[in-house]
Amino acid sequence: MTRHYERQIDKLKHMVLDLGDRVGRIVEDAVTAIEHRDTRLASRVMAKETEVDVLEVDVEEECLHVLALYQPVASDLRFIVAVVTINKDLERIADLAVNLAERAIELASAEPFDGAPFDLREESRRVREMLSLALKALVSTDAQLAEQVRRADDEVDRIHREACEQLEARMRAHPEDINRLLHMLNVSRQLERIADHAVSIAEDVYYMARGEFLRHREEPCIAHAS
């Protein structure tokens, strides 16, 4: 029974890692679609949402199966609880990636910017690194890696604040571009929210490893876009 339980846990770990890998690629594709004004790629990102939803349900059902069959306790129970919440975070990240893809289509229909309004590539790179690091922390149940994710979020917050300032200044200087700039403000905001979900994943890994909560200090943005 112990060996069978270990196989079930390994299966569950591989399922959530597969989901995380797929979600990471969706985020990368969504940002690429924005950078290259690629509406076909954006449409493919949007089409993958259903695939992610199916995988998210599969992971949740597997968690419930393990809970019902083995009734785990202590660290094993913490692992299952963490996977349930991480699963939800990954599904939400995929939703945000779809939002980015929708912005890519909107921006592709407008005139391109004369110079990048903010450092989209740097913000997206750091966000993807945070997500990758959070998943590595999950694989190894590494509390120190989880703490690194939280610290990395400070830099994403800084980039997002600068993006807000740069975009607001550009709106004042070029009110005729306000719609396009609002889309870009939303892009930065969605990336910042993805980073927050990566932090949430890291917090769950920390709890799983240490049995203690690692709380993230929220830093409000100076501007918000819906």
Protein backbone atom coordinates (compact mmCIF):
# COMPACT_ATOMS: atom_id res chain seq x y z
CA MET A 1 0.00 0.00 0.00
CA THR A 2 2.87 2.38 0.79
CA ARG A 3 4.43 1.83 -2.62
CA HIS A 4 1.10 2.35 -4.31
CA TYR A 5 0.60 5.57 -2.32
CA GLU A 6 4.06 6.81 -3.34
CA ARG A 7 3.22 6.10 -6.97
CA GLN A 8 0.01 8.08 -6.61
CA ILE A 9 1.92 11.01 -5.12
CA ASP A 10 4.49 10.86 -7.93
CA LYS A 11 1.68 10.78 -10.47
CA LEU A 12 0.06 13.81 -8.85
CA LYS A 13 3.36 15.70 -8.80
CA HIS A 14 3.94 15.01 -12.49
CA MET A 15 0.39 16.09 -13.32
CA VAL A 16 0.74 19.48 -11.63
CA LEU A 17 4.21 19.99 -13.12
CA ASP A 18 2.86 19.22 -16.58
CA LEU A 19 0.11 21.76 -16.00
CA GLY A 20 2.67 24.30 -14.81
CA ASP A 21 4.86 23.74 -17.86
CA ARG A 22 1.91 24.22 -20.20
CA VAL A 23 0.81 27.36 -18.39
CA GLY A 24 4.35 28.78 -18.55
CA ARG A 25 4.44 28.25 -22.32
CA ILE A 26 1.04 29.91 -22.70
CA VAL A 27 2.27 33.00 -20.84
CA GLU A 28 5.39 33.12 -23.01
CA ASP A 29 3.34 32.79 -26.20
CA ALA A 30 0.93 35.51 -25.09
CA VAL A 31 3.78 37.97 -24.51
CA THR A 32 5.38 37.02 -27.83
CA ALA A 33 2.05 37.69 -29.55
CA ILE A 34 2.04 41.20 -28.07
CA GLU A 35 5.66 41.91 -29.00
CA HIS A 36 5.30 40.67 -32.59
CA ARG A 37 1.68 41.73 -33.17
CA ASP A 38 0.93 38.08 -33.96
CA THR A 39 -2.83 37.57 -33.93
CA ARG A 40 -2.59 33.91 -34.96
CA LEU A 41 -0.38 33.11 -31.99
CA ALA A 42 -2.74 35.08 -29.74
CA SER A 43 -5.66 33.01 -31.04
CA ARG A 44 -3.77 29.79 -30.32
CA VAL A 45 -3.19 30.95 -26.75
CA MET A 46 -6.89 31.58 -26.31
CA ALA A 47 -7.72 28.14 -27.74
CA LYS A 48 -5.48 26.45 -25.15
CA GLU A 49 -7.59 27.70 -22.24
CA THR A 50 -9.93 24.70 -22.53
CA GLU A 51 -6.96 22.31 -22.44
CA VAL A 52 -5.72 23.91 -19.23
CA ASP A 53 -9.20 23.77 -17.69
CA VAL A 54 -9.38 20.02 -18.37
CA LEU A 55 -5.98 19.41 -16.79
CA GLU A 56 -6.92 21.53 -13.77
CA VAL A 57 -10.01 19.37 -13.20
CA ASP A 58 -7.92 16.19 -13.58
CA VAL A 59 -5.46 17.35 -10.91
CA GLU A 60 -8.25 18.28 -8.51
CA GLU A 61 -9.97 14.92 -9.00
CA GLU A 62 -6.69 13.09 -8.39
CA CYS A 63 -6.20 15.04 -5.15
CA LEU A 64 -9.68 14.08 -3.97
CA HIS A 65 -9.00 10.45 -4.92
CA VAL A 66 -5.81 10.35 -2.85
CA LEU A 67 -7.51 12.04 0.10
CA ALA A 68 -10.43 9.60 0.06
CA LEU A 69 -8.34 6.47 -0.48
CA TYR A 70 -5.37 7.10 1.84
CA GLN A 71 -6.50 9.80 4.30
CA PRO A 72 -2.97 11.28 4.52
CA VAL A 73 -1.81 13.19 7.59
CA ALA A 74 0.98 15.61 8.55
CA SER A 75 3.39 16.41 5.70
CA ASP A 76 1.51 14.20 3.23
CA LEU A 77 -1.70 16.08 3.93
CA ARG A 78 0.11 19.41 3.57
CA PHE A 79 1.33 18.27 0.15
CA ILE A 80 -2.18 17.46 -1.07
CA VAL A 81 -3.59 20.74 0.27
CA ALA A 82 -0.75 22.67 -1.38
CA VAL A 83 -1.33 20.96 -4.74
CA VAL A 84 -5.04 21.84 -4.61
CA THR A 85 -4.29 25.54 -4.15
CA ILE A 86 -1.34 25.55 -6.58
CA ASN A 87 -3.63 23.96 -9.16
CA LYS A 88 -6.04 26.87 -8.80
CA ASP A 89 -3.21 29.39 -9.11
CA LEU A 90 -2.03 27.79 -12.35
CA GLU A 91 -5.53 27.85 -13.79
CA ARG A 92 -5.83 31.53 -12.89
CA ILE A 93 -2.45 32.29 -14.51
CA ALA A 94 -3.76 30.69 -17.71
CA ASP A 95 -6.81 32.97 -17.53
CA LEU A 96 -4.50 35.98 -17.24
CA ALA A 97 -2.47 34.75 -20.23
CA VAL A 98 -5.69 34.63 -22.26
CA ASN A 99 -6.34 38.22 -21.21
CA LEU A 100 -2.86 39.10 -22.51
CA ALA A 101 -3.67 37.37 -25.80
CA GLU A 102 -6.86 39.41 -26.11
CA ARG A 103 -4.81 42.58 -25.60
CA ALA A 104 -2.40 41.36 -28.29
CA ILE A 105 -5.24 41.19 -30.80
CA GLU A 106 -6.50 44.65 -29.83
CA LEU A 107 -3.01 46.16 -30.10
CA ALA A 108 -2.31 44.47 -33.44
CA SER A 109 -5.30 46.26 -34.96
CA ALA A 110 -3.85 49.67 -34.00
CA GLU A 111 -0.79 51.56 -35.19
CA PRO A 112 2.47 50.27 -33.65
CA PHE A 113 4.12 52.39 -30.97
CA ASP A 114 7.02 54.64 -31.86
CA GLY A 115 9.29 53.16 -29.21
CA ALA A 116 8.25 50.79 -26.43
CA PRO A 117 6.07 52.56 -23.83
CA PHE A 118 7.63 50.42 -21.08
CA ASP A 119 10.02 47.47 -20.71
CA LEU A 120 7.55 44.68 -21.49
CA ARG A 121 10.28 42.16 -22.28
CA GLU A 122 12.04 42.63 -18.93
CA GLU A 123 8.83 42.43 -16.90
CA SER A 124 7.67 39.30 -18.73
CA ARG A 125 11.11 37.67 -18.43
CA ARG A 126 11.19 38.16 -14.68
CA VAL A 127 7.61 36.94 -14.28
CA ARG A 128 8.34 33.75 -16.23
CA GLU A 129 11.48 33.20 -14.14
CA MET A 130 9.41 33.51 -10.97
CA LEU A 131 6.91 30.95 -12.20
CA SER A 132 9.69 28.55 -13.22
CA LEU A 133 11.41 28.97 -9.85
CA ALA A 134 8.16 28.37 -7.97
CA LEU A 135 7.63 25.10 -9.85
CA LYS A 136 11.23 24.04 -9.17
CA ALA A 137 10.59 24.71 -5.49
CA LEU A 138 7.55 22.45 -5.71
CA VAL A 139 9.53 19.61 -7.33
CA SER A 140 12.18 19.65 -4.61
CA THR A 141 9.96 20.88 -1.74
CA ASP A 142 12.56 23.60 -1.26
CA ALA A 143 11.60 26.36 1.18
CA GLN A 144 14.66 28.46 0.28
CA LEU A 145 13.68 28.52 -3.39
CA ALA A 146 10.19 29.53 -2.32
CA GLU A 147 11.65 32.48 -0.41
CA GLN A 148 13.61 33.50 -3.52
CA VAL A 149 10.35 33.74 -5.45
CA ARG A 150 8.91 36.15 -2.93
CA ARG A 151 12.03 38.31 -3.02
CA ALA A 152 11.98 38.33 -6.84
CA ASP A 153 8.49 39.78 -6.73
CA ASP A 154 9.88 43.05 -5.39
CA GLU A 155 11.65 43.64 -8.72
CA VAL A 156 8.49 42.90 -10.71
CA ASP A 157 6.60 45.35 -8.51
CA ARG A 158 9.26 47.98 -9.22
CA ILE A 159 9.05 47.44 -12.98
CA HIS A 160 5.26 47.61 -12.83
CA ARG A 161 5.33 50.87 -10.87
CA GLU A 162 7.71 52.36 -13.43
CA ALA A 163 5.45 51.14 -16.24
CA CYS A 164 2.48 52.85 -14.59
CA GLU A 165 4.43 56.10 -14.32
CA GLN A 166 5.72 55.94 -17.90
CA LEU A 167 2.33 55.08 -19.37
CA GLU A 168 0.51 57.76 -17.38
CA ALA A 169 3.06 60.37 -18.52
CA ARG A 170 2.61 59.26 -22.11
CA MET A 171 -1.18 59.47 -21.78
CA ARG A 172 -0.87 63.07 -20.64
CA ALA A 173 1.52 63.92 -23.47
CA HIS A 174 -0.39 61.99 -26.15
CA PRO A 175 -4.10 61.81 -25.25
CA GLU A 176 -4.86 60.59 -28.77
CA ASP A 177 -3.06 57.34 -27.87
CA ILE A 178 -4.94 56.73 -24.63
CA ASN A 179 -6.75 53.56 -25.77
CA ARG A 180 -3.56 51.84 -26.89
CA LEU A 181 -1.75 52.96 -23.76
CA LEU A 182 -4.54 51.64 -21.55
CA HIS A 183 -4.13 48.25 -23.22
CA MET A 184 -0.42 48.35 -22.41
CA LEU A 185 -1.15 49.37 -18.83
CA ASN A 186 -3.42 46.34 -18.60
CA VAL A 187 -0.64 44.14 -20.00
CA SER A 188 1.76 45.25 -17.26
CA ARG A 189 -0.94 44.77 -14.65
CA GLN A 190 -1.73 41.22 -15.82
CA LEU A 191 1.96 40.32 -15.70
CA GLU A 192 2.18 41.71 -12.18
CA ARG A 193 -0.82 39.58 -11.20
CA ILE A 194 0.82 36.48 -12.69
CA ALA A 195 3.84 37.23 -10.49
CA ASP A 196 1.52 37.41 -7.48
CA HIS A 197 0.20 33.94 -8.30
CA ALA A 198 3.78 32.66 -8.56
CA VAL A 199 4.33 34.04 -5.05
CA SER A 200 1.17 32.27 -3.90
CA ILE A 201 2.54 28.99 -5.29
CA ALA A 202 5.83 29.62 -3.47
CA GLU A 203 3.97 30.29 -0.22
CA ASP A 204 2.19 26.95 -0.55
CA VAL A 205 5.51 25.18 -1.17
CA TYR A 206 6.98 26.87 1.90
CA TYR A 207 4.04 25.70 4.00
CA MET A 208 4.39 22.19 2.58
CA ALA A 209 8.11 22.12 3.44
CA ARG A 210 8.10 23.86 6.83
CA GLY A 211 4.55 23.63 8.12
CA GLU A 212 4.64 27.42 8.52
CA PHE A 213 3.06 30.22 6.53
CA LEU A 214 5.18 32.58 4.44
CA ARG A 215 3.10 35.68 3.96
CA HIS A 216 3.67 38.07 1.09
CA ARG A 217 3.61 41.80 1.77
CA GLU A 218 1.41 43.45 -0.87
CA GLU A 219 2.65 46.69 -2.43
CA PRO A 220 -0.16 48.64 -4.08
CA CYS A 221 0.33 49.93 -7.60
CA ILE A 222 -0.06 53.62 -8.30
CA ALA A 223 -2.38 52.84 -11.19
CA HIS A 224 -4.71 50.02 -12.09
CA ALA A 225 -6.32 48.81 -15.27
CA SER A 226 -9.10 46.30 -15.53
